[in-house]
C-alpha cells in the first residue's frame, strides 16, 4: 500500500480485498480496581482457520505491543482510567496464518 490514508474513501480495491481476507480484532485495556486487562474483541463471524483462541489472542497482543509502547500505554491508562472502563487502542486485522494485514492503533494520552 502506497497510500497512508486510513479512511474508507481512500482505500483501493486491493486494500478492500486484503481486509476481506482477514479478521479485524478490536483491542483495548480494561481497568479494574486492582489491575489492567488486555482485551480482544473477537468478531462474531471469524475465519475457521483460527483454531486456538489463546494463540490468536496472544498474536493480537504481540502485534499491538509491537506498534505501541506497552509500558507507557499501560502507565497512562492506569493513571487516567476509571474502574469498569475499557480504553480502546484500535484494531488489528490478521489472517489465520499470522499475516498482519492492517494495524491501526493509538496510545491514549494523559489529560492535563
PDB file of N, CA and C in Angstrom:
ATOM      1  N   UNK A   1       0.836  -1.183   0.000  1.00  0.00           N
ATOM      2  CA  UNK A   1       0.000   0.000   0.000  1.00  0.00           C
ATOM      3  C   UNK A   1       0.875   1.238   0.000  1.00  0.00           C
ATOM      4  N   UNK A   2       0.726   2.033  -1.010  1.00  0.00           N
ATOM      5  CA  UNK A   2       1.489   3.261  -1.086  1.00  0.00           C
ATOM      6  C   UNK A   2       0.773   4.396  -0.390  1.00  0.00           C
ATOM      7  N   UNK A   3      -0.534   4.321  -0.294  1.00  0.00           N
ATOM      8  CA  UNK A   3      -1.340   5.376   0.295  1.00  0.00           C
ATOM      9  C   UNK A   3      -1.439   5.169   1.798  1.00  0.00           C
ATOM     10  N   UNK A   4      -1.062   6.164   2.581  1.00  0.00           N
ATOM     11  CA  UNK A   4      -1.132   6.062   4.032  1.00  0.00           C
ATOM     12  C   UNK A   4      -2.510   6.411   4.574  1.00  0.00           C
ATOM     13  N   UNK A   5      -3.433   6.773   3.725  1.00  0.00           N
ATOM     14  CA  UNK A   5      -4.776   7.151   4.156  1.00  0.00           C
ATOM     15  C   UNK A   5      -5.515   5.960   4.733  1.00  0.00           C
ATOM     16  N   UNK A   6      -6.192   6.185   5.864  1.00  0.00           N
ATOM     17  CA  UNK A   6      -6.922   5.115   6.521  1.00  0.00           C
ATOM     18  C   UNK A   6      -8.429   5.242   6.364  1.00  0.00           C
ATOM     19  N   UNK A   7      -8.893   6.275   5.648  1.00  0.00           N
ATOM     20  CA  UNK A   7     -10.336   6.416   5.535  1.00  0.00           C
ATOM     21  C   UNK A   7     -10.872   5.520   4.418  1.00  0.00           C
ATOM     22  N   UNK A   8     -12.130   5.171   4.532  1.00  0.00           N
ATOM     23  CA  UNK A   8     -12.731   4.233   3.587  1.00  0.00           C
ATOM     24  C   UNK A   8     -12.698   4.782   2.163  1.00  0.00           C
ATOM     25  N   UNK A   9     -12.859   6.082   2.000  1.00  0.00           N
ATOM     26  CA  UNK A   9     -12.858   6.661   0.664  1.00  0.00           C
ATOM     27  C   UNK A   9     -11.494   6.554   0.008  1.00  0.00           C
ATOM     28  N   UNK A  10     -10.426   6.495   0.800  1.00  0.00           N
ATOM     29  CA  UNK A  10      -9.078   6.419   0.273  1.00  0.00           C
ATOM     30  C   UNK A  10      -8.601   5.010  -0.014  1.00  0.00           C
ATOM     31  N   UNK A  11      -9.416   4.007   0.293  1.00  0.00           N
ATOM     32  CA  UNK A  11      -8.999   2.629   0.077  1.00  0.00           C
ATOM     33  C   UNK A  11      -9.108   2.263  -1.391  1.00  0.00           C
ATOM     34  N   UNK A  12      -8.152   1.460  -1.851  1.00  0.00           N
ATOM     35  CA  UNK A  12      -8.216   0.943  -3.207  1.00  0.00           C
ATOM     36  C   UNK A  12      -8.935  -0.393  -3.181  1.00  0.00           C
ATOM     37  N   UNK A  13      -9.267  -0.910  -4.356  1.00  0.00           N
ATOM     38  CA  UNK A  13      -9.899  -2.225  -4.426  1.00  0.00           C
ATOM     39  C   UNK A  13      -9.006  -3.288  -3.812  1.00  0.00           C
ATOM     40  N   UNK A  14      -7.689  -3.181  -4.001  1.00  0.00           N
ATOM     41  CA  UNK A  14      -6.758  -4.157  -3.434  1.00  0.00           C
ATOM     42  C   UNK A  14      -6.776  -4.089  -1.915  1.00  0.00           C
ATOM     43  N   UNK A  15      -6.861  -2.869  -1.345  1.00  0.00           N
ATOM     44  CA  UNK A  15      -6.922  -2.729   0.115  1.00  0.00           C
ATOM     45  C   UNK A  15      -8.172  -3.403   0.656  1.00  0.00           C
ATOM     46  N   UNK A  16      -9.295  -3.193  -0.010  1.00  0.00           N
ATOM     47  CA  UNK A  16     -10.557  -3.765   0.428  1.00  0.00           C
ATOM     48  C   UNK A  16     -10.512  -5.283   0.340  1.00  0.00           C
ATOM     49  N   UNK A  17      -9.949  -5.808  -0.727  1.00  0.00           N
ATOM     50  CA  UNK A  17      -9.853  -7.263  -0.886  1.00  0.00           C
ATOM     51  C   UNK A  17      -8.969  -7.855   0.195  1.00  0.00           C
ATOM     52  N   UNK A  18      -7.835  -7.203   0.497  1.00  0.00           N
ATOM     53  CA  UNK A  18      -6.948  -7.703   1.544  1.00  0.00           C
ATOM     54  C   UNK A  18      -7.650  -7.731   2.885  1.00  0.00           C
ATOM     55  N   UNK A  19      -8.359  -6.658   3.225  1.00  0.00           N
ATOM     56  CA  UNK A  19      -9.040  -6.594   4.511  1.00  0.00           C
ATOM     57  C   UNK A  19     -10.110  -7.675   4.610  1.00  0.00           C
ATOM     58  N   UNK A  20     -10.753  -8.003   3.483  1.00  0.00           N
ATOM     59  CA  UNK A  20     -11.794  -9.024   3.495  1.00  0.00           C
ATOM     60  C   UNK A  20     -11.207 -10.408   3.752  1.00  0.00           C
ATOM     61  N   UNK A  21      -9.916 -10.590   3.497  1.00  0.00           N
ATOM     62  CA  UNK A  21      -9.277 -11.885   3.690  1.00  0.00           C
ATOM     63  C   UNK A  21      -8.886 -12.152   5.136  1.00  0.00           C
ATOM     64  N   UNK A  22      -8.963 -11.181   5.991  1.00  0.00           N
ATOM     65  CA  UNK A  22      -8.557 -11.349   7.381  1.00  0.00           C
ATOM     66  C   UNK A  22      -9.698 -11.045   8.332  1.00  0.00           C
ATOM     67  N   UNK A  23      -9.385 -11.183   9.612  1.00  0.00           N
ATOM     68  CA  UNK A  23     -10.360 -10.868  10.653  1.00  0.00           C
ATOM     69  C   UNK A  23      -9.872  -9.653  11.422  1.00  0.00           C
ATOM     70  N   UNK A  24     -10.800  -8.749  11.713  1.00  0.00           N
ATOM     71  CA  UNK A  24     -10.474  -7.498  12.405  1.00  0.00           C
ATOM     72  C   UNK A  24     -10.790  -7.662  13.887  1.00  0.00           C
ATOM     73  N   UNK A  25      -9.754  -7.512  14.705  1.00  0.00           N
ATOM     74  CA  UNK A  25      -9.889  -7.626  16.156  1.00  0.00           C
ATOM     75  C   UNK A  25      -9.703  -6.250  16.775  1.00  0.00           C
ATOM     76  N   UNK A  26     -10.705  -5.797  17.527  1.00  0.00           N
ATOM     77  CA  UNK A  26     -10.597  -4.536  18.247  1.00  0.00           C
ATOM     78  C   UNK A  26      -9.915  -4.840  19.582  1.00  0.00           C
ATOM     79  N   UNK A  27      -8.940  -4.014  19.936  1.00  0.00           N
ATOM     80  CA  UNK A  27      -8.175  -4.263  21.157  1.00  0.00           C
ATOM     81  C   UNK A  27      -8.301  -3.096  22.123  1.00  0.00           C
ATOM     82  N   UNK A  28      -8.194  -3.425  23.391  1.00  0.00           N
ATOM     83  CA  UNK A  28      -8.276  -2.405  24.414  1.00  0.00           C
ATOM     84  C   UNK A  28      -7.716  -2.904  25.726  1.00  0.00           C
ATOM     85  N   UNK A  29      -7.784  -2.052  26.714  1.00  0.00           N
ATOM     86  CA  UNK A  29      -7.331  -2.391  28.054  1.00  0.00           C
ATOM     87  C   UNK A  29      -8.467  -2.064  29.013  1.00  0.00           C
ATOM     88  N   UNK A  30      -8.890  -3.088  29.752  1.00  0.00           N
ATOM     89  CA  UNK A  30      -9.966  -2.938  30.730  1.00  0.00           C
ATOM     90  C   UNK A  30      -9.351  -2.585  32.082  1.00  0.00           C
ATOM     91  N   UNK A  31      -9.923  -1.576  32.720  1.00  0.00           N
ATOM     92  CA  UNK A  31      -9.451  -1.122  34.023  1.00  0.00           C
ATOM     93  C   UNK A  31     -10.354  -1.727  35.096  1.00  0.00           C
ATOM     94  N   UNK A  32      -9.735  -2.386  36.077  1.00  0.00           N
ATOM     95  CA  UNK A  32     -10.481  -2.872  37.232  1.00  0.00           C
ATOM     96  C   UNK A  32      -9.940  -2.145  38.459  1.00  0.00           C
ATOM     97  N   UNK A  33     -10.465  -2.488  39.637  1.00  0.00           N
ATOM     98  CA  UNK A  33      -9.992  -1.835  40.858  1.00  0.00           C
ATOM     99  C   UNK A  33      -8.514  -2.100  41.131  1.00  0.00           C
ATOM    100  N   UNK A  34      -8.027  -3.281  40.730  1.00  0.00           N
ATOM    101  CA  UNK A  34      -6.657  -3.634  41.105  1.00  0.00           C
ATOM    102  C   UNK A  34      -5.761  -4.090  39.956  1.00  0.00           C
ATOM    103  N   UNK A  35      -6.271  -4.057  38.711  1.00  0.00           N
ATOM    104  CA  UNK A  35      -5.416  -4.479  37.609  1.00  0.00           C
ATOM    105  C   UNK A  35      -5.901  -3.935  36.273  1.00  0.00           C
ATOM    106  N   UNK A  36      -5.039  -4.104  35.271  1.00  0.00           N
ATOM    107  CA  UNK A  36      -5.370  -3.767  33.890  1.00  0.00           C
ATOM    108  C   UNK A  36      -5.390  -5.074  33.115  1.00  0.00           C
ATOM    109  N   UNK A  37      -6.389  -5.252  32.257  1.00  0.00           N
ATOM    110  CA  UNK A  37      -6.517  -6.476  31.464  1.00  0.00           C
ATOM    111  C   UNK A  37      -6.537  -6.128  29.991  1.00  0.00           C
ATOM    112  N   UNK A  38      -5.649  -6.750  29.227  1.00  0.00           N
ATOM    113  CA  UNK A  38      -5.655  -6.606  27.777  1.00  0.00           C
ATOM    114  C   UNK A  38      -6.851  -7.404  27.252  1.00  0.00           C
ATOM    115  N   UNK A  39      -7.689  -6.767  26.445  1.00  0.00           N
ATOM    116  CA  UNK A  39      -8.878  -7.451  25.933  1.00  0.00           C
ATOM    117  C   UNK A  39      -8.891  -7.410  24.405  1.00  0.00           C
ATOM    118  N   UNK A  40      -9.389  -8.504  23.835  1.00  0.00           N
ATOM    119  CA  UNK A  40      -9.519  -8.631  22.388  1.00  0.00           C
ATOM    120  C   UNK A  40     -10.987  -8.890  22.082  1.00  0.00           C
ATOM    121  N   UNK A  41     -11.593  -8.024  21.312  1.00  0.00           N
ATOM    122  CA  UNK A  41     -12.982  -8.208  20.886  1.00  0.00           C
ATOM    123  C   UNK A  41     -12.948  -9.024  19.597  1.00  0.00           C
ATOM    124  N   UNK A  42     -13.487 -10.221  19.673  1.00  0.00           N
ATOM    125  CA  UNK A  42     -13.467 -11.154  18.556  1.00  0.00           C
ATOM    126  C   UNK A  42     -14.713 -10.937  17.705  1.00  0.00           C
ATOM    127  N   UNK A  43     -14.553 -10.857  16.376  1.00  0.00           N
ATOM    128  CA  UNK A  43     -15.725 -10.685  15.515  1.00  0.00           C
ATOM    129  C   UNK A  43     -16.703 -11.846  15.662  1.00  0.00           C
ATOM    130  N   UNK A  44     -17.988 -11.581  15.443  1.00  0.00           N
ATOM    131  CA  UNK A  44     -18.993 -12.649  15.579  1.00  0.00           C
ATOM    132  C   UNK A  44     -18.796 -13.734  14.530  1.00  0.00           C
ATOM    133  N   UNK A  45     -18.341 -13.360  13.353  1.00  0.00           N
ATOM    134  CA  UNK A  45     -18.012 -14.341  12.326  1.00  0.00           C
ATOM    135  C   UNK A  45     -16.512 -14.292  12.132  1.00  0.00           C
ATOM    136  N   UNK A  46     -15.860 -15.404  12.449  1.00  0.00           N
ATOM    137  CA  UNK A  46     -14.407 -15.451  12.397  1.00  0.00           C
ATOM    138  C   UNK A  46     -13.976 -16.596  11.489  1.00  0.00           C
ATOM    139  N   UNK A  47     -12.861 -16.410  10.794  1.00  0.00           N
ATOM    140  CA  UNK A  47     -12.329 -17.431   9.899  1.00  0.00           C
ATOM    141  C   UNK A  47     -12.134 -18.738  10.652  1.00  0.00           C
ATOM    142  N   UNK A  48     -12.514 -19.828  10.030  1.00  0.00           N
ATOM    143  CA  UNK A  48     -12.386 -21.138  10.682  1.00  0.00           C
ATOM    144  C   UNK A  48     -10.933 -21.552  10.884  1.00  0.00           C
ATOM    145  N   UNK A  49     -10.002 -20.826  10.275  1.00  0.00           N
ATOM    146  CA  UNK A  49      -8.584 -21.130  10.453  1.00  0.00           C
ATOM    147  C   UNK A  49      -8.058 -20.801  11.840  1.00  0.00           C
ATOM    148  N   UNK A  50      -8.793 -19.997  12.595  1.00  0.00           N
ATOM    149  CA  UNK A  50      -8.399 -19.673  13.968  1.00  0.00           C
ATOM    150  C   UNK A  50      -8.855 -20.815  14.865  1.00  0.00           C
ATOM    151  N   UNK A  51      -7.965 -21.738  15.162  1.00  0.00           N
ATOM    152  CA  UNK A  51      -8.339 -22.931  15.921  1.00  0.00           C
ATOM    153  C   UNK A  51      -8.065 -22.797  17.421  1.00  0.00           C
ATOM    154  N   UNK A  52      -7.079 -22.010  17.784  1.00  0.00           N
ATOM    155  CA  UNK A  52      -6.670 -21.894  19.175  1.00  0.00           C
ATOM    156  C   UNK A  52      -6.882 -20.454  19.653  1.00  0.00           C
ATOM    157  N   UNK A  53      -7.948 -20.199  20.419  1.00  0.00           N
ATOM    158  CA  UNK A  53      -8.242 -18.825  20.858  1.00  0.00           C
ATOM    159  C   UNK A  53      -7.089 -18.182  21.619  1.00  0.00           C
ATOM    160  N   UNK A  54      -6.401 -18.926  22.445  1.00  0.00           N
ATOM    161  CA  UNK A  54      -5.283 -18.348  23.203  1.00  0.00           C
ATOM    162  C   UNK A  54      -4.155 -17.922  22.269  1.00  0.00           C
ATOM    163  N   UNK A  55      -3.896 -18.731  21.239  1.00  0.00           N
ATOM    164  CA  UNK A  55      -2.806 -18.422  20.303  1.00  0.00           C
ATOM    165  C   UNK A  55      -3.101 -17.144  19.518  1.00  0.00           C
ATOM    166  N   UNK A  56      -4.336 -16.990  18.997  1.00  0.00           N
ATOM    167  CA  UNK A  56      -4.587 -15.781  18.211  1.00  0.00           C
ATOM    168  C   UNK A  56      -4.701 -14.559  19.103  1.00  0.00           C
ATOM    169  N   UNK A  57      -5.194 -14.719  20.325  1.00  0.00           N
ATOM    170  CA  UNK A  57      -5.234 -13.574  21.224  1.00  0.00           C
ATOM    171  C   UNK A  57      -3.824 -13.130  21.584  1.00  0.00           C
ATOM    172  N   UNK A  58      -2.912 -14.073  21.738  1.00  0.00           N
ATOM    173  CA  UNK A  58      -1.512 -13.726  22.011  1.00  0.00           C
ATOM    174  C   UNK A  58      -0.901 -13.031  20.799  1.00  0.00           C
ATOM    175  N   UNK A  59      -1.234 -13.505  19.595  1.00  0.00           N
ATOM    176  CA  UNK A  59      -0.740 -12.872  18.376  1.00  0.00           C
ATOM    177  C   UNK A  59      -1.242 -11.434  18.281  1.00  0.00           C
ATOM    178  N   UNK A  60      -2.515 -11.221  18.586  1.00  0.00           N
ATOM    179  CA  UNK A  60      -3.069  -9.870  18.566  1.00  0.00           C
ATOM    180  C   UNK A  60      -2.336  -8.990  19.584  1.00  0.00           C
ATOM    181  N   UNK A  61      -2.080  -9.517  20.779  1.00  0.00           N
ATOM    182  CA  UNK A  61      -1.345  -8.763  21.796  1.00  0.00           C
ATOM    183  C   UNK A  61       0.069  -8.440  21.317  1.00  0.00           C
ATOM    184  N   UNK A  62       0.738  -9.422  20.732  1.00  0.00           N
ATOM    185  CA  UNK A  62       2.109  -9.201  20.239  1.00  0.00           C
ATOM    186  C   UNK A  62       2.146  -8.094  19.193  1.00  0.00           C
ATOM    187  N   UNK A  63       1.208  -8.130  18.254  1.00  0.00           N
ATOM    188  CA  UNK A  63       1.156  -7.099  17.211  1.00  0.00           C
ATOM    189  C   UNK A  63       0.874  -5.731  17.840  1.00  0.00           C
ATOM    190  N   UNK A  64      -0.038  -5.693  18.794  1.00  0.00           N
ATOM    191  CA  UNK A  64      -0.369  -4.430  19.462  1.00  0.00           C
ATOM    192  C   UNK A  64       0.861  -3.819  20.111  1.00  0.00           C
ATOM    193  N   UNK A  65       1.607  -4.628  20.869  1.00  0.00           N
ATOM    194  CA  UNK A  65       2.757  -4.086  21.599  1.00  0.00           C
ATOM    195  C   UNK A  65       3.969  -3.872  20.704  1.00  0.00           C
ATOM    196  N   UNK A  66       3.953  -4.397  19.483  1.00  0.00           N
ATOM    197  CA  UNK A  66       4.990  -4.042  18.506  1.00  0.00           C
ATOM    198  C   UNK A  66       4.743  -2.632  17.978  1.00  0.00           C
ATOM    199  N   UNK A  67       3.484  -2.212  17.965  1.00  0.00           N
ATOM    200  CA  UNK A  67       3.113  -0.897  17.442  1.00  0.00           C
ATOM    201  C   UNK A  67       3.070   0.189  18.521  1.00  0.00           C
ATOM    202  N   UNK A  68       2.792  -0.195  19.746  1.00  0.00           N
ATOM    203  CA  UNK A  68       2.674   0.773  20.839  1.00  0.00           C
ATOM    204  C   UNK A  68       3.697   0.461  21.926  1.00  0.00           C
ATOM    205  N   UNK A  69       4.106   1.484  22.652  1.00  0.00           N
ATOM    206  CA  UNK A  69       4.993   1.296  23.805  1.00  0.00           C
ATOM    207  C   UNK A  69       4.130   0.762  24.958  1.00  0.00           C
ATOM    208  N   UNK A  70       4.278  -0.524  25.255  1.00  0.00           N
ATOM    209  CA  UNK A  70       3.420  -1.175  26.244  1.00  0.00           C
ATOM    210  C   UNK A  70       3.499  -0.494  27.603  1.00  0.00           C
ATOM    211  N   UNK A  71       4.694  -0.250  28.096  1.00  0.00           N
ATOM    212  CA  UNK A  71       4.845   0.322  29.433  1.00  0.00           C
ATOM    213  C   UNK A  71       4.208   1.707  29.526  1.00  0.00           C
ATOM    214  N   UNK A  72       4.502   2.569  28.558  1.00  0.00           N
ATOM    215  CA  UNK A  72       3.942   3.924  28.587  1.00  0.00           C
ATOM    216  C   UNK A  72       2.418   3.898  28.429  1.00  0.00           C
ATOM    217  N   UNK A  73       1.918   3.034  27.557  1.00  0.00           N
ATOM    218  CA  UNK A  73       0.480   2.930  27.348  1.00  0.00           C
ATOM    219  C   UNK A  73      -0.229   2.495  28.625  1.00  0.00           C
ATOM    220  N   UNK A  74       0.286   1.457  29.259  1.00  0.00           N
ATOM    221  CA  UNK A  74      -0.345   0.953  30.479  1.00  0.00           C
ATOM    222  C   UNK A  74      -0.235   1.948  31.632  1.00  0.00           C
ATOM    223  N   UNK A  75       0.884   2.657  31.719  1.00  0.00           N
ATOM    224  CA  UNK A  75       1.024   3.673  32.769  1.00  0.00           C
ATOM    225  C   UNK A  75      -0.003   4.787  32.590  1.00  0.00           C
ATOM    226  N   UNK A  76      -0.209   5.214  31.349  1.00  0.00           N
ATOM    227  CA  UNK A  76      -1.195   6.267  31.078  1.00  0.00           C
ATOM    228  C   UNK A  76      -2.600   5.792  31.432  1.00  0.00           C
ATOM    229  N   UNK A  77      -2.930   4.561  31.043  1.00  0.00           N
ATOM    230  CA  UNK A  77      -4.257   4.029  31.340  1.00  0.00           C
ATOM    231  C   UNK A  77      -4.453   3.881  32.852  1.00  0.00           C
ATOM    232  N   UNK A  78      -3.422   3.407  33.539  1.00  0.00           N
ATOM    233  CA  UNK A  78      -3.518   3.253  34.998  1.00  0.00           C
ATOM    234  C   UNK A  78      -3.725   4.600  35.682  1.00  0.00           C
ATOM    235  N   UNK A  79      -3.097   5.647  35.157  1.00  0.00           N
ATOM    236  CA  UNK A  79      -3.196   6.972  35.765  1.00  0.00           C
ATOM    237  C   UNK A  79      -4.506   7.678  35.445  1.00  0.00           C
ATOM    238  N   UNK A  80      -5.101   7.379  34.285  1.00  0.00           N
ATOM    239  CA  UNK A  80      -6.274   8.143  33.852  1.00  0.00           C
ATOM    240  C   UNK A  80      -7.562   7.332  33.780  1.00  0.00           C
ATOM    241  N   UNK A  81      -7.461   6.016  33.738  1.00  0.00           N
ATOM    242  CA  UNK A  81      -8.645   5.172  33.581  1.00  0.00           C
ATOM    243  C   UNK A  81      -9.419   4.996  34.876  1.00  0.00           C
ATOM    244  N   UNK A  82     -10.706   4.794  34.740  1.00  0.00           N
ATOM    245  CA  UNK A  82     -11.587   4.559  35.884  1.00  0.00           C
ATOM    246  C   UNK A  82     -11.974   3.082  35.918  1.00  0.00           C
ATOM    247  N   UNK A  83     -12.095   2.488  37.116  1.00  0.00           N
ATOM    248  CA  UNK A  83     -12.535   1.087  37.192  1.00  0.00           C
ATOM    249  C   UNK A  83     -13.837   0.866  36.418  1.00  0.00           C
ATOM    250  N   UNK A  84     -13.863  -0.200  35.633  1.00  0.00           N
ATOM    251  CA  UNK A  84     -15.017  -0.515  34.798  1.00  0.00           C
ATOM    252  C   UNK A  84     -14.887   0.004  33.376  1.00  0.00           C
ATOM    253  N   UNK A  85     -13.950   0.897  33.147  1.00  0.00           N
ATOM    254  CA  UNK A  85     -13.750   1.479  31.825  1.00  0.00           C
ATOM    255  C   UNK A  85     -12.862   0.562  30.980  1.00  0.00           C
ATOM    256  N   UNK A  86     -13.144   0.500  29.682  1.00  0.00           N
ATOM    257  CA  UNK A  86     -12.263  -0.173  28.742  1.00  0.00           C
ATOM    258  C   UNK A  86     -11.761   0.878  27.771  1.00  0.00           C
ATOM    259  N   UNK A  87     -10.451   1.045  27.727  1.00  0.00           N
ATOM    260  CA  UNK A  87      -9.818   2.016  26.843  1.00  0.00           C
ATOM    261  C   UNK A  87      -9.488   1.305  25.536  1.00  0.00           C
ATOM    262  N   UNK A  88     -10.133   1.718  24.463  1.00  0.00           N
ATOM    263  CA  UNK A  88      -9.900   1.108  23.154  1.00  0.00           C
ATOM    264  C   UNK A  88      -8.625   1.676  22.553  1.00  0.00           C
ATOM    265  N   UNK A  89      -7.764   0.778  22.075  1.00  0.00           N
ATOM    266  CA  UNK A  89      -6.496   1.168  21.470  1.00  0.00           C
ATOM    267  C   UNK A  89      -6.564   1.184  19.954  1.00  0.00           C
ATOM    268  N   UNK A  90      -7.529   0.486  19.380  1.00  0.00           N
ATOM    269  CA  UNK A  90      -7.662   0.436  17.926  1.00  0.00           C
ATOM    270  C   UNK A  90      -7.987  -0.964  17.473  1.00  0.00           C
ATOM    271  N   UNK A  91      -7.472  -1.325  16.293  1.00  0.00           N
ATOM    272  CA  UNK A  91      -7.755  -2.659  15.771  1.00  0.00           C
ATOM    273  C   UNK A  91      -6.554  -3.232  15.034  1.00  0.00           C
ATOM    274  N   UNK A  92      -6.580  -4.551  14.923  1.00  0.00           N
ATOM    275  CA  UNK A  92      -5.570  -5.301  14.196  1.00  0.00           C
ATOM    276  C   UNK A  92      -6.334  -6.254  13.276  1.00  0.00           C
ATOM    277  N   UNK A  93      -5.950  -6.304  12.001  1.00  0.00           N
ATOM    278  CA  UNK A  93      -6.556  -7.241  11.060  1.00  0.00           C
ATOM    279  C   UNK A  93      -5.514  -8.285  10.693  1.00  0.00           C
ATOM    280  N   UNK A  94      -5.861  -9.552  10.944  1.00  0.00           N
ATOM    281  CA  UNK A  94      -4.925 -10.660  10.755  1.00  0.00           C
ATOM    282  C   UNK A  94      -5.552 -11.790   9.951  1.00  0.00           C
ATOM    283  N   UNK A  95      -4.686 -12.548   9.311  1.00  0.00           N
ATOM    284  CA  UNK A  95      -5.088 -13.801   8.694  1.00  0.00           C
ATOM    285  C   UNK A  95      -4.712 -14.921   9.659  1.00  0.00           C
ATOM    286  N   UNK A  96      -5.385 -16.075   9.568  1.00  0.00           N
ATOM    287  CA  UNK A  96      -5.080 -17.176  10.481  1.00  0.00           C
ATOM    288  C   UNK A  96      -3.632 -17.668  10.427  1.00  0.00           C
ATOM    289  N   UNK A  97      -2.924 -17.391   9.332  1.00  0.00           N
ATOM    290  CA  UNK A  97      -1.520 -17.802   9.250  1.00  0.00           C
ATOM    291  C   UNK A  97      -0.588 -16.805   9.933  1.00  0.00           C
ATOM    292  N   UNK A  98      -1.168 -15.772  10.566  1.00  0.00           N
ATOM    293  CA  UNK A  98      -0.375 -14.809  11.317  1.00  0.00           C
ATOM    294  C   UNK A  98       0.018 -13.566  10.545  1.00  0.00           C
ATOM    295  N   UNK A  99      -0.347 -13.485   9.271  1.00  0.00           N
ATOM    296  CA  UNK A  99      -0.007 -12.306   8.472  1.00  0.00           C
ATOM    297  C   UNK A  99      -0.851 -11.119   8.941  1.00  0.00           C
ATOM    298  N   UNK A 100      -0.167 -10.002   9.218  1.00  0.00           N
ATOM    299  CA  UNK A 100      -0.832  -8.771   9.643  1.00  0.00           C
ATOM    300  C   UNK A 100      -1.212  -7.997   8.385  1.00  0.00           C
ATOM    301  N   UNK A 101      -2.502  -7.796   8.192  1.00  0.00           N
ATOM    302  CA  UNK A 101      -2.979  -7.039   7.038  1.00  0.00           C
ATOM    303  C   UNK A 101      -3.087  -5.559   7.345  1.00  0.00           C
ATOM    304  N   UNK A 102      -3.401  -5.244   8.592  1.00  0.00           N
ATOM    305  CA  UNK A 102      -3.607  -3.854   8.968  1.00  0.00           C
ATOM    306  C   UNK A 102      -3.527  -3.746  10.481  1.00  0.00           C
ATOM    307  N   UNK A 103      -2.971  -2.668  10.954  1.00  0.00           N
ATOM    308  CA  UNK A 103      -2.967  -2.367  12.381  1.00  0.00           C
ATOM    309  C   UNK A 103      -3.109  -0.867  12.535  1.00  0.00           C
ATOM    310  N   UNK A 104      -4.206  -0.464  13.107  1.00  0.00           N
ATOM    311  CA  UNK A 104      -4.458   0.949  13.367  1.00  0.00           C
ATOM    312  C   UNK A 104      -4.631   1.096  14.875  1.00  0.00           C
ATOM    313  N   UNK A 105      -3.547   1.522  15.524  1.00  0.00           N
ATOM    314  CA  UNK A 105      -3.506   1.568  16.981  1.00  0.00           C
ATOM    315  C   UNK A 105      -3.025   2.932  17.437  1.00  0.00           C
ATOM    316  N   UNK A 106      -3.627   3.426  18.505  1.00  0.00           N
ATOM    317  CA  UNK A 106      -3.246   4.719  19.056  1.00  0.00           C
ATOM    318  C   UNK A 106      -3.169   4.617  20.569  1.00  0.00           C
ATOM    319  N   UNK A 107      -2.053   5.058  21.113  1.00  0.00           N
ATOM    320  CA  UNK A 107      -1.893   5.064  22.562  1.00  0.00           C
ATOM    321  C   UNK A 107      -2.689   6.228  23.152  1.00  0.00           C
ATOM    322  N   UNK A 108      -3.290   6.024  24.318  1.00  0.00           N
ATOM    323  CA  UNK A 108      -4.012   7.121  24.959  1.00  0.00           C
ATOM    324  C   UNK A 108      -3.013   8.165  25.459  1.00  0.00           C
ATOM    325  N   UNK A 109      -3.517   9.369  25.631  1.00  0.00           N
ATOM    326  CA  UNK A 109      -2.677  10.426  26.173  1.00  0.00           C
ATOM    327  C   UNK A 109      -3.225  10.858  27.523  1.00  0.00           C
ATOM    328  N   UNK A 110      -2.329  11.295  28.376  1.00  0.00           N
ATOM    329  CA  UNK A 110      -2.741  11.774  29.700  1.00  0.00           C
ATOM    330  C   UNK A 110      -3.386  13.144  29.536  1.00  0.00           C
ATOM    331  N   UNK A 111      -4.545  13.312  30.145  1.00  0.00           N
ATOM    332  CA  UNK A 111      -5.210  14.611  30.106  1.00  0.00           C
ATOM    333  C   UNK A 111      -4.586  15.497  31.169  1.00  0.00           C
ATOM    334  N   UNK A 112      -4.268  16.695  30.772  1.00  0.00           N
ATOM    335  CA  UNK A 112      -3.610  17.596  31.713  1.00  0.00           C
ATOM    336  C   UNK A 112      -4.548  18.651  32.186  1.00  0.00           C
TER     337      UNK A 112
END
